[in-house]
Amino acid sequence: MRFNIKAGNHVPGKYHYTADTLSRKLANPHTDPPTKPAEEMIAHIDSIIAALPASDPKVPQISQAQNQDIICEQVKKYCSEHWPDKNHIEHDIEQLYYQVNGELTVVHGLLMRRTRIVIPKCLQ
């Protein structure tokens, strides 16, 4: 070994102030750079859209139905801005979407869960 350590003193983690403080730092989406380059994300999104199991005329129809559906429209708003606490969400939205809010996103105006389109109630 490169080092010859004869004695060491244990210091509890709660006394490592700098490390403890930095471990609690949250990422700031406005100043922190994204984890993937924008071109790579756009290419990934475009490949998902191209592989959707819906015909070209059907996708705008689904998007329009989502825009007319009150619940889908509210979920799109939450995805674009931020999700409020569970106690401040309508019961229907909480029951259907709150558990999976990390999997929801809006891509080219379509509400999606992972790589699948969310179908509004009127088209189900």
C-alpha atoms as a PDB file:
ATOM      1  CA  MET A   1       0.000   0.000   0.000  1.00  0.00           C
ATOM      2  CA  ARG A   2       1.052   3.526  -0.635  1.00  0.00           C
ATOM      3  CA  PHE A   3       0.097   4.840   2.796  1.00  0.00           C
ATOM      4  CA  ASN A   4       1.158   3.762   6.242  1.00  0.00           C
ATOM      5  CA  ILE A   5      -1.641   4.727   8.619  1.00  0.00           C
ATOM      6  CA  LYS A   6      -0.828   4.026  12.219  1.00  0.00           C
ATOM      7  CA  ALA A   7      -3.921   5.314  13.994  1.00  0.00           C
ATOM      8  CA  GLY A   8      -7.245   6.750  12.997  1.00  0.00           C
ATOM      9  CA  ASN A   9     -10.034   8.381  14.873  1.00  0.00           C
ATOM     10  CA  HIS A  10     -13.648   7.676  14.083  1.00  0.00           C
ATOM     11  CA  VAL A  11     -15.731  10.789  13.444  1.00  0.00           C
ATOM     12  CA  PRO A  12     -19.502  10.236  13.359  1.00  0.00           C
ATOM     13  CA  GLY A  13     -21.231  11.260  10.125  1.00  0.00           C
ATOM     14  CA  LYS A  14     -23.255  13.968  11.821  1.00  0.00           C
ATOM     15  CA  TYR A  15     -19.979  15.845  12.422  1.00  0.00           C
ATOM     16  CA  HIS A  16     -19.020  15.842   8.726  1.00  0.00           C
ATOM     17  CA  TYR A  17     -20.880  19.100   8.132  1.00  0.00           C
ATOM     18  CA  THR A  18     -19.768  19.819   4.579  1.00  0.00           C
ATOM     19  CA  ALA A  19     -20.450  16.329   3.268  1.00  0.00           C
ATOM     20  CA  ASP A  20     -23.780  16.190   5.091  1.00  0.00           C
ATOM     21  CA  THR A  21     -24.857  19.556   3.670  1.00  0.00           C
ATOM     22  CA  LEU A  22     -23.835  18.687   0.093  1.00  0.00           C
ATOM     23  CA  SER A  23     -25.585  15.323   0.245  1.00  0.00           C
ATOM     24  CA  ARG A  24     -28.861  17.151   0.859  1.00  0.00           C
ATOM     25  CA  LYS A  25     -28.472  19.574  -2.066  1.00  0.00           C
ATOM     26  CA  LEU A  26     -31.312  19.243  -4.549  1.00  0.00           C
ATOM     27  CA  ALA A  27     -30.750  19.646  -8.259  1.00  0.00           C
ATOM     28  CA  ASN A  28     -31.998  22.966  -9.615  1.00  0.00           C
ATOM     29  CA  PRO A  29     -33.654  22.369 -13.005  1.00  0.00           C
ATOM     30  CA  HIS A  30     -33.175  26.023 -13.981  1.00  0.00           C
ATOM     31  CA  THR A  31     -29.395  26.129 -13.497  1.00  0.00           C
ATOM     32  CA  ASP A  32     -28.207  22.510 -13.555  1.00  0.00           C
ATOM     33  CA  PRO A  33     -27.464  21.158 -17.029  1.00  0.00           C
ATOM     34  CA  PRO A  34     -29.527  18.205 -18.271  1.00  0.00           C
ATOM     35  CA  THR A  35     -28.016  14.751 -17.875  1.00  0.00           C
ATOM     36  CA  LYS A  36     -28.297  14.008 -21.603  1.00  0.00           C
ATOM     37  CA  PRO A  37     -27.599  16.309 -24.551  1.00  0.00           C
ATOM     38  CA  ALA A  38     -30.703  17.926 -26.048  1.00  0.00           C
ATOM     39  CA  GLU A  39     -30.112  16.353 -29.477  1.00  0.00           C
ATOM     40  CA  GLU A  40     -30.038  12.875 -27.937  1.00  0.00           C
ATOM     41  CA  MET A  41     -33.270  13.494 -26.012  1.00  0.00           C
ATOM     42  CA  ILE A  42     -35.028  14.854 -29.107  1.00  0.00           C
ATOM     43  CA  ALA A  43     -33.910  11.847 -31.164  1.00  0.00           C
ATOM     44  CA  HIS A  44     -35.211   9.500 -28.470  1.00  0.00           C
ATOM     45  CA  ILE A  45     -38.560  11.308 -28.283  1.00  0.00           C
ATOM     46  CA  ASP A  46     -38.914  11.282 -32.074  1.00  0.00           C
ATOM     47  CA  SER A  47     -38.230   7.544 -32.180  1.00  0.00           C
ATOM     48  CA  ILE A  48     -40.937   6.949 -29.562  1.00  0.00           C
ATOM     49  CA  ILE A  49     -43.429   9.077 -31.512  1.00  0.00           C
ATOM     50  CA  ALA A  50     -42.572   7.246 -34.752  1.00  0.00           C
ATOM     51  CA  ALA A  51     -43.161   3.867 -33.084  1.00  0.00           C
ATOM     52  CA  LEU A  52     -46.548   4.718 -31.564  1.00  0.00           C
ATOM     53  CA  PRO A  53     -49.129   1.992 -32.175  1.00  0.00           C
ATOM     54  CA  ALA A  54     -51.595   4.505 -33.649  1.00  0.00           C
ATOM     55  CA  SER A  55     -52.170   5.532 -37.238  1.00  0.00           C
ATOM     56  CA  ASP A  56     -51.250   9.037 -38.374  1.00  0.00           C
ATOM     57  CA  PRO A  57     -54.887  10.257 -38.521  1.00  0.00           C
ATOM     58  CA  LYS A  58     -55.626   8.757 -35.078  1.00  0.00           C
ATOM     59  CA  VAL A  59     -52.878  10.638 -33.185  1.00  0.00           C
ATOM     60  CA  PRO A  60     -54.380  14.137 -33.737  1.00  0.00           C
ATOM     61  CA  GLN A  61     -57.796  12.755 -32.787  1.00  0.00           C
ATOM     62  CA  ILE A  62     -56.373  11.423 -29.496  1.00  0.00           C
ATOM     63  CA  SER A  63     -54.589  14.712 -28.843  1.00  0.00           C
ATOM     64  CA  GLN A  64     -57.796  16.681 -29.437  1.00  0.00           C
ATOM     65  CA  ALA A  65     -59.742  14.344 -27.142  1.00  0.00           C
ATOM     66  CA  GLN A  66     -57.084  14.794 -24.435  1.00  0.00           C
ATOM     67  CA  ASN A  67     -57.395  18.575 -24.758  1.00  0.00           C
ATOM     68  CA  GLN A  68     -61.175  18.346 -24.332  1.00  0.00           C
ATOM     69  CA  ASP A  69     -60.971  15.951 -21.368  1.00  0.00           C
ATOM     70  CA  ILE A  70     -60.843  17.886 -18.087  1.00  0.00           C
ATOM     71  CA  ILE A  71     -58.764  15.280 -16.266  1.00  0.00           C
ATOM     72  CA  CYS A  72     -56.193  14.846 -19.061  1.00  0.00           C
ATOM     73  CA  GLU A  73     -55.867  18.607 -19.433  1.00  0.00           C
ATOM     74  CA  GLN A  74     -55.202  19.013 -15.695  1.00  0.00           C
ATOM     75  CA  VAL A  75     -52.662  16.169 -15.703  1.00  0.00           C
ATOM     76  CA  LYS A  76     -50.866  17.809 -18.664  1.00  0.00           C
ATOM     77  CA  LYS A  77     -50.713  21.033 -16.658  1.00  0.00           C
ATOM     78  CA  TYR A  78     -49.252  19.180 -13.658  1.00  0.00           C
ATOM     79  CA  CYS A  79     -46.653  17.496 -15.896  1.00  0.00           C
ATOM     80  CA  SER A  80     -45.620  20.826 -17.409  1.00  0.00           C
ATOM     81  CA  GLU A  81     -45.471  22.761 -14.141  1.00  0.00           C
ATOM     82  CA  HIS A  82     -45.298  20.588 -11.023  1.00  0.00           C
ATOM     83  CA  TRP A  83     -47.408  18.077  -9.145  1.00  0.00           C
ATOM     84  CA  PRO A  84     -49.014  19.457  -5.975  1.00  0.00           C
ATOM     85  CA  ASP A  85     -49.266  17.502  -2.744  1.00  0.00           C
ATOM     86  CA  LYS A  86     -51.555  14.498  -2.774  1.00  0.00           C
ATOM     87  CA  ASN A  87     -54.017  16.330  -0.507  1.00  0.00           C
ATOM     88  CA  HIS A  88     -54.501  19.154  -3.043  1.00  0.00           C
ATOM     89  CA  ILE A  89     -55.460  17.013  -6.052  1.00  0.00           C
ATOM     90  CA  GLU A  90     -58.935  16.079  -7.220  1.00  0.00           C
ATOM     91  CA  HIS A  91     -59.943  12.547  -6.275  1.00  0.00           C
ATOM     92  CA  ASP A  92     -60.217  11.316  -9.900  1.00  0.00           C
ATOM     93  CA  ILE A  93     -56.726  12.530 -10.773  1.00  0.00           C
ATOM     94  CA  GLU A  94     -55.249  11.147  -7.562  1.00  0.00           C
ATOM     95  CA  GLN A  95     -56.875   7.780  -8.099  1.00  0.00           C
ATOM     96  CA  LEU A  96     -55.799   7.426 -11.743  1.00  0.00           C
ATOM     97  CA  TYR A  97     -52.527   9.304 -12.109  1.00  0.00           C
ATOM     98  CA  TYR A  98     -50.859  10.367  -8.844  1.00  0.00           C
ATOM     99  CA  GLN A  99     -49.233   6.972  -8.217  1.00  0.00           C
ATOM    100  CA  VAL A 100     -47.582   7.062 -11.665  1.00  0.00           C
ATOM    101  CA  ASN A 101     -46.837  10.796 -11.963  1.00  0.00           C
ATOM    102  CA  GLY A 102     -43.120  10.098 -12.462  1.00  0.00           C
ATOM    103  CA  GLU A 103     -43.943   8.062 -15.581  1.00  0.00           C
ATOM    104  CA  LEU A 104     -46.142  10.742 -17.185  1.00  0.00           C
ATOM    105  CA  THR A 105     -44.941  13.318 -19.678  1.00  0.00           C
ATOM    106  CA  VAL A 106     -46.251  15.542 -22.454  1.00  0.00           C
ATOM    107  CA  VAL A 107     -44.632  14.953 -25.850  1.00  0.00           C
ATOM    108  CA  HIS A 108     -45.707  17.071 -28.838  1.00  0.00           C
ATOM    109  CA  GLY A 109     -48.976  17.838 -27.042  1.00  0.00           C
ATOM    110  CA  LEU A 110     -49.727  14.190 -26.225  1.00  0.00           C
ATOM    111  CA  LEU A 111     -50.024  12.969 -22.658  1.00  0.00           C
ATOM    112  CA  MET A 112     -47.999   9.783 -22.396  1.00  0.00           C
ATOM    113  CA  ARG A 113     -47.145   7.226 -19.741  1.00  0.00           C
ATOM    114  CA  ARG A 114     -43.659   5.991 -20.513  1.00  0.00           C
ATOM    115  CA  THR A 115     -43.869   5.160 -24.238  1.00  0.00           C
ATOM    116  CA  ARG A 116     -47.653   4.717 -24.385  1.00  0.00           C
ATOM    117  CA  ILE A 117     -50.350   7.264 -25.145  1.00  0.00           C
ATOM    118  CA  VAL A 118     -52.838   7.980 -22.356  1.00  0.00           C
ATOM    119  CA  ILE A 119     -56.285   7.426 -23.875  1.00  0.00           C
ATOM    120  CA  PRO A 120     -58.925   9.833 -22.520  1.00  0.00           C
ATOM    121  CA  LYS A 121     -62.173   8.501 -21.079  1.00  0.00           C
ATOM    122  CA  CYS A 122     -64.275   9.437 -24.149  1.00  0.00           C
ATOM    123  CA  LEU A 123     -62.158   7.195 -26.444  1.00  0.00           C
ATOM    124  CA  GLN A 124     -61.893   4.202 -24.113  1.00  0.00           C
END
